[in-house]
Amino acid sequence: MLSSEDLKYFRNQLEKMLQDIEEKGKQTLEEMSDFAGIYPDPADRASVESEQFFALRLRDRERKLKAKIRAALERIENGTYGICEECGGEIGIARLKARPVTTLCIECKSKQEEKEKLIRR
C-alpha cells in the first residue's frame, strides 16, 4: 500500500506533468502565430507546415496524456491509485515512477501486450 508520502510525491509529479503539457501547448500556439506570415518560397512554406503538423501531432498525444494524468489524480483522491485495474493487486512503486499514469501492474500489462501481439499476427 502506498504511504501518504508516496501519494504526495506522485500527486506532485502528475501535477508537474500536467503543467508542463499545458505550457508546451501555449508555446506551440505562440510559435504557430509567429509563423503565420506568407512564405514566397514553396520549400520554406512546406518546411514550416511540416514542422507545424509534427507539433500538432505531439500536442494531440499530450492531450490524451492529460486525460490520463487527470484520471490518475482522481485515483489518488479516491484511494485507488497504485491498484491494478485488472487484478486488484498493488502496482509497484518502480513502475509508478516510470509511468505515473499506469493502471496495470507489470504482470497484467505484460499479459495485455502478449494478447495484442497475438491479435496482430
PDB file of N, CA and C in Angstrom:
ATOM      1  N   MET A   1       0.842  -1.177   0.000  1.00  0.00           N
ATOM      2  CA  MET A   1       0.000   0.000   0.000  1.00  0.00           C
ATOM      3  C   MET A   1       0.892   1.247   0.000  1.00  0.00           C
ATOM      4  N   LEU A   2       0.511   2.227  -0.787  1.00  0.00           N
ATOM      5  CA  LEU A   2       1.297   3.458  -0.861  1.00  0.00           C
ATOM      6  C   LEU A   2       1.092   4.300   0.387  1.00  0.00           C
ATOM      7  N   SER A   3       2.172   4.869   0.879  1.00  0.00           N
ATOM      8  CA  SER A   3       2.089   5.735   2.050  1.00  0.00           C
ATOM      9  C   SER A   3       1.583   7.116   1.636  1.00  0.00           C
ATOM     10  N   SER A   4       1.242   7.925   2.603  1.00  0.00           N
ATOM     11  CA  SER A   4       0.782   9.285   2.295  1.00  0.00           C
ATOM     12  C   SER A   4       1.906  10.090   1.649  1.00  0.00           C
ATOM     13  N   GLU A   5       3.143   9.818   2.026  1.00  0.00           N
ATOM     14  CA  GLU A   5       4.287  10.491   1.396  1.00  0.00           C
ATOM     15  C   GLU A   5       4.428  10.083  -0.066  1.00  0.00           C
ATOM     16  N   ASP A   6       4.221   8.784  -0.328  1.00  0.00           N
ATOM     17  CA  ASP A   6       4.264   8.299  -1.718  1.00  0.00           C
ATOM     18  C   ASP A   6       3.187   8.988  -2.547  1.00  0.00           C
ATOM     19  N   LEU A   7       1.971   9.047  -2.002  1.00  0.00           N
ATOM     20  CA  LEU A   7       0.859   9.679  -2.724  1.00  0.00           C
ATOM     21  C   LEU A   7       1.142  11.155  -2.977  1.00  0.00           C
ATOM     22  N   LYS A   8       1.724  11.820  -2.010  1.00  0.00           N
ATOM     23  CA  LYS A   8       2.078  13.240  -2.165  1.00  0.00           C
ATOM     24  C   LYS A   8       3.115  13.390  -3.282  1.00  0.00           C
ATOM     25  N   TYR A   9       4.111  12.496  -3.294  1.00  0.00           N
ATOM     26  CA  TYR A   9       5.144  12.524  -4.331  1.00  0.00           C
ATOM     27  C   TYR A   9       4.509  12.366  -5.716  1.00  0.00           C
ATOM     28  N   PHE A  10       3.632  11.365  -5.873  1.00  0.00           N
ATOM     29  CA  PHE A  10       3.030  11.114  -7.174  1.00  0.00           C
ATOM     30  C   PHE A  10       2.067  12.225  -7.582  1.00  0.00           C
ATOM     31  N   ARG A  11       1.341  12.789  -6.626  1.00  0.00           N
ATOM     32  CA  ARG A  11       0.462  13.921  -6.933  1.00  0.00           C
ATOM     33  C   ARG A  11       1.295  15.080  -7.491  1.00  0.00           C
ATOM     34  N   ASN A  12       2.422  15.371  -6.837  1.00  0.00           N
ATOM     35  CA  ASN A  12       3.301  16.445  -7.313  1.00  0.00           C
ATOM     36  C   ASN A  12       3.852  16.148  -8.700  1.00  0.00           C
ATOM     37  N   GLN A  13       4.255  14.906  -8.938  1.00  0.00           N
ATOM     38  CA  GLN A  13       4.778  14.519 -10.249  1.00  0.00           C
ATOM     39  C   GLN A  13       3.708  14.689 -11.327  1.00  0.00           C
ATOM     40  N   LEU A  14       2.511  14.228 -11.048  1.00  0.00           N
ATOM     41  CA  LEU A  14       1.420  14.305 -12.024  1.00  0.00           C
ATOM     42  C   LEU A  14       1.031  15.759 -12.293  1.00  0.00           C
ATOM     43  N   GLU A  15       0.964  16.558 -11.249  1.00  0.00           N
ATOM     44  CA  GLU A  15       0.628  17.972 -11.434  1.00  0.00           C
ATOM     45  C   GLU A  15       1.699  18.688 -12.239  1.00  0.00           C
ATOM     46  N   LYS A  16       2.968  18.333 -12.013  1.00  0.00           N
ATOM     47  CA  LYS A  16       4.059  18.933 -12.788  1.00  0.00           C
ATOM     48  C   LYS A  16       3.956  18.508 -14.256  1.00  0.00           C
ATOM     49  N   MET A  17       3.654  17.245 -14.502  1.00  0.00           N
ATOM     50  CA  MET A  17       3.483  16.768 -15.879  1.00  0.00           C
ATOM     51  C   MET A  17       2.365  17.544 -16.573  1.00  0.00           C
ATOM     52  N   LEU A  18       1.261  17.739 -15.879  1.00  0.00           N
ATOM     53  CA  LEU A  18       0.121  18.464 -16.429  1.00  0.00           C
ATOM     54  C   LEU A  18       0.495  19.907 -16.750  1.00  0.00           C
ATOM     55  N   GLN A  19       1.209  20.541 -15.842  1.00  0.00           N
ATOM     56  CA  GLN A  19       1.646  21.924 -16.049  1.00  0.00           C
ATOM     57  C   GLN A  19       2.595  22.019 -17.250  1.00  0.00           C
ATOM     58  N   ASP A  20       3.528  21.086 -17.365  1.00  0.00           N
ATOM     59  CA  ASP A  20       4.474  21.081 -18.490  1.00  0.00           C
ATOM     60  C   ASP A  20       3.743  20.945 -19.827  1.00  0.00           C
ATOM     61  N   ILE A  21       2.760  20.073 -19.876  1.00  0.00           N
ATOM     62  CA  ILE A  21       1.999  19.867 -21.107  1.00  0.00           C
ATOM     63  C   ILE A  21       1.244  21.138 -21.483  1.00  0.00           C
ATOM     64  N   GLU A  22       0.628  21.759 -20.500  1.00  0.00           N
ATOM     65  CA  GLU A  22      -0.128  22.985 -20.779  1.00  0.00           C
ATOM     66  C   GLU A  22       0.789  24.109 -21.268  1.00  0.00           C
ATOM     67  N   GLU A  23       1.985  24.214 -20.683  1.00  0.00           N
ATOM     68  CA  GLU A  23       2.940  25.233 -21.125  1.00  0.00           C
ATOM     69  C   GLU A  23       3.406  24.970 -22.554  1.00  0.00           C
ATOM     70  N   LYS A  24       3.651  23.702 -22.883  1.00  0.00           N
ATOM     71  CA  LYS A  24       4.061  23.355 -24.245  1.00  0.00           C
ATOM     72  C   LYS A  24       2.963  23.698 -25.242  1.00  0.00           C
ATOM     73  N   GLY A  25       1.716  23.454 -24.858  1.00  0.00           N
ATOM     74  CA  GLY A  25       0.586  23.780 -25.734  1.00  0.00           C
ATOM     75  C   GLY A  25       0.516  25.267 -26.012  1.00  0.00           C
ATOM     76  N   LYS A  26       0.681  26.077 -24.983  1.00  0.00           N
ATOM     77  CA  LYS A  26       0.672  27.535 -25.154  1.00  0.00           C
ATOM     78  C   LYS A  26       1.833  27.974 -26.041  1.00  0.00           C
ATOM     79  N   GLN A  27       2.995  27.377 -25.824  1.00  0.00           N
ATOM     80  CA  GLN A  27       4.172  27.714 -26.614  1.00  0.00           C
ATOM     81  C   GLN A  27       3.954  27.368 -28.088  1.00  0.00           C
ATOM     82  N   THR A  28       3.344  26.239 -28.351  1.00  0.00           N
ATOM     83  CA  THR A  28       3.071  25.833 -29.730  1.00  0.00           C
ATOM     84  C   THR A  28       2.144  26.831 -30.412  1.00  0.00           C
ATOM     85  N   LEU A  29       1.099  27.243 -29.701  1.00  0.00           N
ATOM     86  CA  LEU A  29       0.180  28.228 -30.274  1.00  0.00           C
ATOM     87  C   LEU A  29       0.889  29.541 -30.587  1.00  0.00           C
ATOM     88  N   GLU A  30       1.760  29.981 -29.681  1.00  0.00           N
ATOM     89  CA  GLU A  30       2.513  31.215 -29.906  1.00  0.00           C
ATOM     90  C   GLU A  30       3.428  31.070 -31.125  1.00  0.00           C
ATOM     91  N   GLU A  31       4.103  29.927 -31.214  1.00  0.00           N
ATOM     92  CA  GLU A  31       5.015  29.703 -32.343  1.00  0.00           C
ATOM     93  C   GLU A  31       4.254  29.654 -33.658  1.00  0.00           C
ATOM     94  N   MET A  32       3.074  29.043 -33.650  1.00  0.00           N
ATOM     95  CA  MET A  32       2.293  28.946 -34.882  1.00  0.00           C
ATOM     96  C   MET A  32       1.803  30.321 -35.316  1.00  0.00           C
ATOM     97  N   SER A  33       1.452  31.155 -34.369  1.00  0.00           N
ATOM     98  CA  SER A  33       1.011  32.501 -34.751  1.00  0.00           C
ATOM     99  C   SER A  33       2.198  33.330 -35.239  1.00  0.00           C
ATOM    100  N   ASP A  34       3.399  33.040 -34.747  1.00  0.00           N
ATOM    101  CA  ASP A  34       4.600  33.731 -35.226  1.00  0.00           C
ATOM    102  C   ASP A  34       4.910  33.356 -36.674  1.00  0.00           C
ATOM    103  N   PHE A  35       4.564  32.127 -37.072  1.00  0.00           N
ATOM    104  CA  PHE A  35       4.852  31.649 -38.420  1.00  0.00           C
ATOM    105  C   PHE A  35       3.696  31.906 -39.383  1.00  0.00           C
ATOM    106  N   ALA A  36       2.785  32.744 -39.000  1.00  0.00           N
ATOM    107  CA  ALA A  36       1.595  32.969 -39.822  1.00  0.00           C
ATOM    108  C   ALA A  36       1.889  33.788 -41.071  1.00  0.00           C
ATOM    109  N   GLY A  37       3.126  34.210 -41.235  1.00  0.00           N
ATOM    110  CA  GLY A  37       3.482  35.037 -42.395  1.00  0.00           C
ATOM    111  C   GLY A  37       3.395  34.283 -43.703  1.00  0.00           C
ATOM    112  N   ILE A  38       3.534  35.014 -44.769  1.00  0.00           N
ATOM    113  CA  ILE A  38       3.485  34.430 -46.106  1.00  0.00           C
ATOM    114  C   ILE A  38       4.906  34.088 -46.535  1.00  0.00           C
ATOM    115  N   TYR A  39       5.079  32.878 -47.044  1.00  0.00           N
ATOM    116  CA  TYR A  39       6.385  32.427 -47.499  1.00  0.00           C
ATOM    117  C   TYR A  39       6.360  32.310 -49.014  1.00  0.00           C
ATOM    118  N   PRO A  40       7.086  33.190 -49.701  1.00  0.00           N
ATOM    119  CA  PRO A  40       7.081  33.134 -51.160  1.00  0.00           C
ATOM    120  C   PRO A  40       7.737  31.860 -51.701  1.00  0.00           C
ATOM    121  N   ASP A  41       8.691  31.323 -50.955  1.00  0.00           N
ATOM    122  CA  ASP A  41       9.382  30.113 -51.411  1.00  0.00           C
ATOM    123  C   ASP A  41       8.568  28.889 -50.973  1.00  0.00           C
ATOM    124  N   PRO A  42       8.115  28.079 -51.915  1.00  0.00           N
ATOM    125  CA  PRO A  42       7.308  26.901 -51.569  1.00  0.00           C
ATOM    126  C   PRO A  42       8.039  25.930 -50.636  1.00  0.00           C
ATOM    127  N   ALA A  43       9.355  25.820 -50.780  1.00  0.00           N
ATOM    128  CA  ALA A  43      10.116  24.914 -49.912  1.00  0.00           C
ATOM    129  C   ALA A  43      10.091  25.408 -48.467  1.00  0.00           C
ATOM    130  N   ASP A  44      10.217  26.720 -48.269  1.00  0.00           N
ATOM    131  CA  ASP A  44      10.152  27.285 -46.918  1.00  0.00           C
ATOM    132  C   ASP A  44       8.769  27.044 -46.314  1.00  0.00           C
ATOM    133  N   ARG A  45       7.748  27.287 -47.104  1.00  0.00           N
ATOM    134  CA  ARG A  45       6.375  27.098 -46.628  1.00  0.00           C
ATOM    135  C   ARG A  45       6.138  25.633 -46.274  1.00  0.00           C
ATOM    136  N   ALA A  46       6.593  24.737 -47.116  1.00  0.00           N
ATOM    137  CA  ALA A  46       6.414  23.302 -46.867  1.00  0.00           C
ATOM    138  C   ALA A  46       7.144  22.874 -45.597  1.00  0.00           C
ATOM    139  N   SER A  47       8.324  23.409 -45.394  1.00  0.00           N
ATOM    140  CA  SER A  47       9.101  23.089 -44.199  1.00  0.00           C
ATOM    141  C   SER A  47       8.376  23.545 -42.937  1.00  0.00           C
ATOM    142  N   VAL A  48       7.871  24.777 -42.953  1.00  0.00           N
ATOM    143  CA  VAL A  48       7.146  25.316 -41.800  1.00  0.00           C
ATOM    144  C   VAL A  48       5.869  24.515 -41.558  1.00  0.00           C
ATOM    145  N   GLU A  49       5.143  24.182 -42.614  1.00  0.00           N
ATOM    146  CA  GLU A  49       3.909  23.413 -42.455  1.00  0.00           C
ATOM    147  C   GLU A  49       4.191  22.022 -41.905  1.00  0.00           C
ATOM    148  N   SER A  50       5.285  21.418 -42.326  1.00  0.00           N
ATOM    149  CA  SER A  50       5.662  20.106 -41.830  1.00  0.00           C
ATOM    150  C   SER A  50       5.982  20.174 -40.330  1.00  0.00           C
ATOM    151  N   GLU A  51       6.720  21.190 -39.921  1.00  0.00           N
ATOM    152  CA  GLU A  51       7.048  21.364 -38.509  1.00  0.00           C
ATOM    153  C   GLU A  51       5.783  21.598 -37.684  1.00  0.00           C
ATOM    154  N   GLN A  52       4.855  22.387 -38.225  1.00  0.00           N
ATOM    155  CA  GLN A  52       3.610  22.657 -37.513  1.00  0.00           C
ATOM    156  C   GLN A  52       2.766  21.394 -37.381  1.00  0.00           C
ATOM    157  N   PHE A  53       2.722  20.594 -38.435  1.00  0.00           N
ATOM    158  CA  PHE A  53       1.971  19.343 -38.393  1.00  0.00           C
ATOM    159  C   PHE A  53       2.545  18.415 -37.330  1.00  0.00           C
ATOM    160  N   PHE A  54       3.864  18.325 -37.280  1.00  0.00           N
ATOM    161  CA  PHE A  54       4.532  17.480 -36.284  1.00  0.00           C
ATOM    162  C   PHE A  54       4.219  17.983 -34.871  1.00  0.00           C
ATOM    163  N   ALA A  55       4.284  19.297 -34.668  1.00  0.00           N
ATOM    164  CA  ALA A  55       3.988  19.882 -33.357  1.00  0.00           C
ATOM    165  C   ALA A  55       2.539  19.598 -32.954  1.00  0.00           C
ATOM    166  N   LEU A  56       1.634  19.682 -33.904  1.00  0.00           N
ATOM    167  CA  LEU A  56       0.225  19.405 -33.608  1.00  0.00           C
ATOM    168  C   LEU A  56       0.007  17.938 -33.237  1.00  0.00           C
ATOM    169  N   ARG A  57       0.721  17.042 -33.890  1.00  0.00           N
ATOM    170  CA  ARG A  57       0.614  15.618 -33.543  1.00  0.00           C
ATOM    171  C   ARG A  57       1.115  15.373 -32.132  1.00  0.00           C
ATOM    172  N   LEU A  58       2.217  16.034 -31.767  1.00  0.00           N
ATOM    173  CA  LEU A  58       2.728  15.898 -30.406  1.00  0.00           C
ATOM    174  C   LEU A  58       1.733  16.435 -29.388  1.00  0.00           C
ATOM    175  N   ARG A  59       1.154  17.580 -29.684  1.00  0.00           N
ATOM    176  CA  ARG A  59       0.173  18.180 -28.769  1.00  0.00           C
ATOM    177  C   ARG A  59      -1.053  17.289 -28.629  1.00  0.00           C
ATOM    178  N   ASP A  60      -1.444  16.598 -29.719  1.00  0.00           N
ATOM    179  CA  ASP A  60      -2.584  15.692 -29.643  1.00  0.00           C
ATOM    180  C   ASP A  60      -2.272  14.516 -28.722  1.00  0.00           C
ATOM    181  N   ARG A  61      -1.067  13.997 -28.818  1.00  0.00           N
ATOM    182  CA  ARG A  61      -0.656  12.919 -27.915  1.00  0.00           C
ATOM    183  C   ARG A  61      -0.674  13.408 -26.473  1.00  0.00           C
ATOM    184  N   GLU A  62      -0.190  14.632 -26.289  1.00  0.00           N
ATOM    185  CA  GLU A  62      -0.159  15.193 -24.946  1.00  0.00           C
ATOM    186  C   GLU A  62      -1.575  15.459 -24.424  1.00  0.00           C
ATOM    187  N   ARG A  63      -2.493  15.796 -25.316  1.00  0.00           N
ATOM    188  CA  ARG A  63      -3.887  15.993 -24.915  1.00  0.00           C
ATOM    189  C   ARG A  63      -4.437  14.686 -24.340  1.00  0.00           C
ATOM    190  N   LYS A  64      -4.121  13.576 -24.987  1.00  0.00           N
ATOM    191  CA  LYS A  64      -4.565  12.275 -24.496  1.00  0.00           C
ATOM    192  C   LYS A  64      -3.892  11.945 -23.162  1.00  0.00           C
ATOM    193  N   LEU A  65      -2.621  12.328 -23.027  1.00  0.00           N
ATOM    194  CA  LEU A  65      -1.902  12.097 -21.779  1.00  0.00           C
ATOM    195  C   LEU A  65      -2.508  12.929 -20.649  1.00  0.00           C
ATOM    196  N   LYS A  66      -2.967  14.148 -20.964  1.00  0.00           N
ATOM    197  CA  LYS A  66      -3.601  14.988 -19.943  1.00  0.00           C
ATOM    198  C   LYS A  66      -4.807  14.277 -19.340  1.00  0.00           C
ATOM    199  N   ALA A  67      -5.580  13.618 -20.153  1.00  0.00           N
ATOM    200  CA  ALA A  67      -6.747  12.885 -19.649  1.00  0.00           C
ATOM    201  C   ALA A  67      -6.306  11.762 -18.707  1.00  0.00           C
ATOM    202  N   LYS A  68      -5.220  11.085 -19.057  1.00  0.00           N
ATOM    203  CA  LYS A  68      -4.707  10.014 -18.201  1.00  0.00           C
ATOM    204  C   LYS A  68      -4.166  10.577 -16.891  1.00  0.00           C
ATOM    205  N   ILE A  69      -3.526  11.735 -16.962  1.00  0.00           N
ATOM    206  CA  ILE A  69      -3.000  12.374 -15.747  1.00  0.00           C
ATOM    207  C   ILE A  69      -4.147  12.762 -14.825  1.00  0.00           C
ATOM    208  N   ARG A  70      -5.178  13.373 -15.395  1.00  0.00           N
ATOM    209  CA  ARG A  70      -6.344  13.759 -14.577  1.00  0.00           C
ATOM    210  C   ARG A  70      -7.000  12.535 -13.939  1.00  0.00           C
ATOM    211  N   ALA A  71      -7.075  11.450 -14.692  1.00  0.00           N
ATOM    212  CA  ALA A  71      -7.655  10.209 -14.148  1.00  0.00           C
ATOM    213  C   ALA A  71      -6.785   9.676 -13.001  1.00  0.00           C
ATOM    214  N   ALA A  72      -5.467   9.760 -13.155  1.00  0.00           N
ATOM    215  CA  ALA A  72      -4.560   9.312 -12.084  1.00  0.00           C
ATOM    216  C   ALA A  72      -4.731  10.180 -10.841  1.00  0.00           C
ATOM    217  N   LEU A  73      -4.872  11.483 -11.028  1.00  0.00           N
ATOM    218  CA  LEU A  73      -5.097  12.375  -9.891  1.00  0.00           C
ATOM    219  C   LEU A  73      -6.423  12.038  -9.197  1.00  0.00           C
ATOM    220  N   GLU A  74      -7.433  11.681  -9.970  1.00  0.00           N
ATOM    221  CA  GLU A  74      -8.716  11.255  -9.386  1.00  0.00           C
ATOM    222  C   GLU A  74      -8.536   9.974  -8.567  1.00  0.00           C
ATOM    223  N   ARG A  75      -7.720   9.053  -9.088  1.00  0.00           N
ATOM    224  CA  ARG A  75      -7.476   7.804  -8.352  1.00  0.00           C
ATOM    225  C   ARG A  75      -6.759   8.089  -7.035  1.00  0.00           C
ATOM    226  N   ILE A  76      -5.862   9.076  -7.033  1.00  0.00           N
ATOM    227  CA  ILE A  76      -5.208   9.451  -5.771  1.00  0.00           C
ATOM    228  C   ILE A  76      -6.258   9.952  -4.788  1.00  0.00           C
ATOM    229  N   GLU A  77      -7.162  10.781  -5.278  1.00  0.00           N
ATOM    230  CA  GLU A  77      -8.201  11.359  -4.417  1.00  0.00           C
ATOM    231  C   GLU A  77      -9.163  10.296  -3.879  1.00  0.00           C
ATOM    232  N   ASN A  78      -9.506   9.318  -4.715  1.00  0.00           N
ATOM    233  CA  ASN A  78     -10.499   8.331  -4.247  1.00  0.00           C
ATOM    234  C   ASN A  78      -9.865   7.068  -3.639  1.00  0.00           C
ATOM    235  N   GLY A  79      -8.536   7.067  -3.520  1.00  0.00           N
ATOM    236  CA  GLY A  79      -7.862   5.974  -2.823  1.00  0.00           C
ATOM    237  C   GLY A  79      -7.582   4.738  -3.647  1.00  0.00           C
ATOM    238  N   THR A  80      -7.683   4.838  -4.969  1.00  0.00           N
ATOM    239  CA  THR A  80      -7.436   3.651  -5.807  1.00  0.00           C
ATOM    240  C   THR A  80      -6.125   3.749  -6.596  1.00  0.00           C
ATOM    241  N   TYR A  81      -5.358   4.808  -6.387  1.00  0.00           N
ATOM    242  CA  TYR A  81      -4.087   4.968  -7.111  1.00  0.00           C
ATOM    243  C   TYR A  81      -3.122   3.884  -6.651  1.00  0.00           C
ATOM    244  N   GLY A  82      -2.456   3.276  -7.629  1.00  0.00           N
ATOM    245  CA  GLY A  82      -1.482   2.236  -7.311  1.00  0.00           C
ATOM    246  C   GLY A  82      -2.087   0.849  -7.212  1.00  0.00           C
ATOM    247  N   ILE A  83      -3.380   0.740  -7.532  1.00  0.00           N
ATOM    248  CA  ILE A  83      -4.055  -0.560  -7.516  1.00  0.00           C
ATOM    249  C   ILE A  83      -4.366  -0.951  -8.960  1.00  0.00           C
ATOM    250  N   CYS A  84      -3.952  -2.145  -9.340  1.00  0.00           N
ATOM    251  CA  CYS A  84      -4.150  -2.630 -10.702  1.00  0.00           C
ATOM    252  C   CYS A  84      -5.638  -2.776 -11.005  1.00  0.00           C
ATOM    253  N   GLU A  85      -6.050  -2.203 -12.114  1.00  0.00           N
ATOM    254  CA  GLU A  85      -7.456  -2.284 -12.516  1.00  0.00           C
ATOM    255  C   GLU A  85      -7.842  -3.674 -13.006  1.00  0.00           C
ATOM    256  N   GLU A  86      -6.860  -4.478 -13.349  1.00  0.00           N
ATOM    257  CA  GLU A  86      -7.149  -5.822 -13.866  1.00  0.00           C
ATOM    258  C   GLU A  86      -7.265  -6.852 -12.741  1.00  0.00           C
ATOM    259  N   CYS A  87      -6.237  -6.937 -11.903  1.00  0.00           N
ATOM    260  CA  CYS A  87      -6.208  -7.995 -10.883  1.00  0.00           C
ATOM    261  C   CYS A  87      -6.457  -7.490  -9.462  1.00  0.00           C
ATOM    262  N   GLY A  88      -6.419  -6.181  -9.262  1.00  0.00           N
ATOM    263  CA  GLY A  88      -6.647  -5.629  -7.927  1.00  0.00           C
ATOM    264  C   GLY A  88      -5.423  -5.635  -7.038  1.00  0.00           C
ATOM    265  N   GLY A  89      -4.308  -6.113  -7.588  1.00  0.00           N
ATOM    266  CA  GLY A  89      -3.063  -6.116  -6.813  1.00  0.00           C
ATOM    267  C   GLY A  89      -2.394  -4.746  -6.826  1.00  0.00           C
ATOM    268  N   GLU A  90      -1.334  -4.644  -6.049  1.00  0.00           N
ATOM    269  CA  GLU A  90      -0.598  -3.381  -5.985  1.00  0.00           C
ATOM    270  C   GLU A  90       0.312  -3.220  -7.204  1.00  0.00           C
ATOM    271  N   ILE A  91       0.388  -1.990  -7.670  1.00  0.00           N
ATOM    272  CA  ILE A  91       1.333  -1.649  -8.736  1.00  0.00           C
ATOM    273  C   ILE A  91       2.603  -1.194  -8.024  1.00  0.00           C
ATOM    274  N   GLY A  92       3.725  -1.748  -8.392  1.00  0.00           N
ATOM    275  CA  GLY A  92       4.983  -1.424  -7.729  1.00  0.00           C
ATOM    276  C   GLY A  92       5.383   0.043  -7.889  1.00  0.00           C
ATOM    277  N   ILE A  93       6.067   0.555  -6.883  1.00  0.00           N
ATOM    278  CA  ILE A  93       6.495   1.956  -6.904  1.00  0.00           C
ATOM    279  C   ILE A  93       7.429   2.213  -8.084  1.00  0.00           C
ATOM    280  N   ALA A  94       8.297   1.274  -8.388  1.00  0.00           N
ATOM    281  CA  ALA A  94       9.213   1.470  -9.522  1.00  0.00           C
ATOM    282  C   ALA A  94       8.424   1.654 -10.813  1.00  0.00           C
ATOM    283  N   ARG A  95       7.372   0.880 -10.988  1.00  0.00           N
ATOM    284  CA  ARG A  95       6.529   1.017 -12.196  1.00  0.00           C
ATOM    285  C   ARG A  95       5.802   2.359 -12.188  1.00  0.00           C
ATOM    286  N   LEU A  96       5.279   2.768 -11.040  1.00  0.00           N
ATOM    287  CA  LEU A  96       4.595   4.055 -10.949  1.00  0.00           C
ATOM    288  C   LEU A  96       5.559   5.217 -11.212  1.00  0.00           C
ATOM    289  N   LYS A  97       6.789   5.070 -10.764  1.00  0.00           N
ATOM    290  CA  LYS A  97       7.776   6.134 -11.036  1.00  0.00           C
ATOM    291  C   LYS A  97       8.098   6.205 -12.523  1.00  0.00           C
ATOM    292  N   ALA A  98       8.145   5.057 -13.170  1.00  0.00           N
ATOM    293  CA  ALA A  98       8.436   5.028 -14.604  1.00  0.00           C
ATOM    294  C   ALA A  98       7.251   5.530 -15.421  1.00  0.00           C
ATOM    295  N   ARG A  99       6.034   5.221 -14.968  1.00  0.00           N
ATOM    296  CA  ARG A  99       4.815   5.616 -15.681  1.00  0.00           C
ATOM    297  C   ARG A  99       3.728   5.917 -14.647  1.00  0.00           C
ATOM    298  N   PRO A 100       3.721   7.151 -14.141  1.00  0.00           N
ATOM    299  CA  PRO A 100       2.789   7.507 -13.060  1.00  0.00           C
ATOM    300  C   PRO A 100       1.308   7.398 -13.424  1.00  0.00           C
ATOM    301  N   VAL A 101       0.971   7.332 -14.708  1.00  0.00           N
ATOM    302  CA  VAL A 101      -0.437   7.246 -15.106  1.00  0.00           C
ATOM    303  C   VAL A 101      -0.901   5.804 -15.308  1.00  0.00           C
ATOM    304  N   THR A 102      -0.035   4.846 -15.075  1.00  0.00           N
ATOM    305  CA  THR A 102      -0.374   3.451 -15.332  1.00  0.00           C
ATOM    306  C   THR A 102      -1.540   2.979 -14.483  1.00  0.00           C
ATOM    307  N   THR A 103      -2.308   2.072 -15.044  1.00  0.00           N
ATOM    308  CA  THR A 103      -3.447   1.489 -14.328  1.00  0.00           C
ATOM    309  C   THR A 103      -3.279  -0.014 -14.148  1.00  0.00           C
ATOM    310  N   LEU A 104      -2.190  -0.569 -14.684  1.00  0.00           N
ATOM    311  CA  LEU A 104      -1.960  -2.010 -14.622  1.00  0.00           C
ATOM    312  C   LEU A 104      -0.615  -2.326 -13.979  1.00  0.00           C
ATOM    313  N   CYS A 105      -0.590  -3.396 -13.199  1.00  0.00           N
ATOM    314  CA  CYS A 105       0.687  -3.872 -12.666  1.00  0.00           C
ATOM    315  C   CYS A 105       1.498  -4.451 -13.824  1.00  0.00           C
ATOM    316  N   ILE A 106       2.746  -4.715 -13.583  1.00  0.00           N
ATOM    317  CA  ILE A 106       3.630  -5.167 -14.662  1.00  0.00           C
ATOM    318  C   ILE A 106       3.173  -6.523 -15.223  1.00  0.00           C
ATOM    319  N   GLU A 107       2.663  -7.406 -14.352  1.00  0.00           N
ATOM    320  CA  GLU A 107       2.220  -8.721 -14.820  1.00  0.00           C
ATOM    321  C   GLU A 107       1.014  -8.590 -15.759  1.00  0.00           C
ATOM    322  N   CYS A 108       0.032  -7.789 -15.355  1.00  0.00           N
ATOM    323  CA  CYS A 108      -1.166  -7.622 -16.186  1.00  0.00           C
ATOM    324  C   CYS A 108      -0.838  -6.872 -17.476  1.00  0.00           C
ATOM    325  N   LYS A 109       0.079  -5.916 -17.401  1.00  0.00           N
ATOM    326  CA  LYS A 109       0.478  -5.192 -18.605  1.00  0.00           C
ATOM    327  C   LYS A 109       1.183  -6.140 -19.576  1.00  0.00           C
ATOM    328  N   SER A 110       2.029  -7.001 -19.051  1.00  0.00           N
ATOM    329  CA  SER A 110       2.724  -7.980 -19.902  1.00  0.00           C
ATOM    330  C   SER A 110       1.730  -8.914 -20.579  1.00  0.00           C
ATOM    331  N   LYS A 111       0.736  -9.372 -19.834  1.00  0.00           N
ATOM    332  CA  LYS A 111      -0.295 -10.234 -20.419  1.00  0.00           C
ATOM    333  C   LYS A 111      -1.066  -9.496 -21.511  1.00  0.00           C
ATOM    334  N   GLN A 112      -1.397  -8.231 -21.261  1.00  0.00           N
ATOM    335  CA  GLN A 112      -2.117  -7.420 -22.238  1.00  0.00           C
ATOM    336  C   GLN A 112      -1.302  -7.287 -23.523  1.00  0.00           C
ATOM    337  N   GLU A 113      -0.014  -7.016 -23.383  1.00  0.00           N
ATOM    338  CA  GLU A 113       0.846  -6.873 -24.559  1.00  0.00           C
ATOM    339  C   GLU A 113       0.969  -8.179 -25.327  1.00  0.00           C
ATOM    340  N   GLU A 114       1.024  -9.298 -24.635  1.00  0.00           N
ATOM    341  CA  GLU A 114       1.082 -10.604 -25.308  1.00  0.00           C
ATOM    342  C   GLU A 114      -0.192 -10.846 -26.115  1.00  0.00           C
ATOM    343  N   LYS A 115      -1.344 -10.527 -25.536  1.00  0.00           N
ATOM    344  CA  LYS A 115      -2.615 -10.679 -26.260  1.00  0.00           C
ATOM    345  C   LYS A 115      -2.627  -9.807 -27.512  1.00  0.00           C
ATOM    346  N   GLU A 116      -2.136  -8.565 -27.383  1.00  0.00           N
ATOM    347  CA  GLU A 116      -2.091  -7.649 -28.527  1.00  0.00           C
ATOM    348  C   GLU A 116      -1.195  -8.191 -29.625  1.00  0.00           C
ATOM    349  N   LYS A 117      -0.077  -8.818 -29.259  1.00  0.00           N
ATOM    350  CA  LYS A 117       0.831  -9.410 -30.248  1.00  0.00           C
ATOM    351  C   LYS A 117       0.135 -10.532 -30.995  1.00  0.00           C
ATOM    352  N   LEU A 118      -0.608 -11.351 -30.282  1.00  0.00           N
ATOM    353  CA  LEU A 118      -1.311 -12.465 -30.904  1.00  0.00           C
ATOM    354  C   LEU A 118      -2.391 -11.973 -31.862  1.00  0.00           C
ATOM    355  N   ILE A 119      -3.072 -10.915 -31.486  1.00  0.00           N
ATOM    356  CA  ILE A 119      -4.132 -10.356 -32.335  1.00  0.00           C
ATOM    357  C   ILE A 119      -3.543  -9.795 -33.623  1.00  0.00           C
ATOM    358  N   ARG A 120      -2.368  -9.153 -33.534  1.00  0.00           N
ATOM    359  CA  ARG A 120      -1.726  -8.542 -34.720  1.00  0.00           C
ATOM    360  C   ARG A 120      -1.256  -9.576 -35.713  1.00  0.00           C
ATOM    361  N   ARG A 121      -1.016 -10.790 -35.263  1.00  0.00           N
ATOM    362  CA  ARG A 121      -0.484 -11.829 -36.156  1.00  0.00           C
ATOM    363  C   ARG A 121      -1.525 -12.345 -37.027  1.00  0.00           C
TER     364      ARG A 121
END
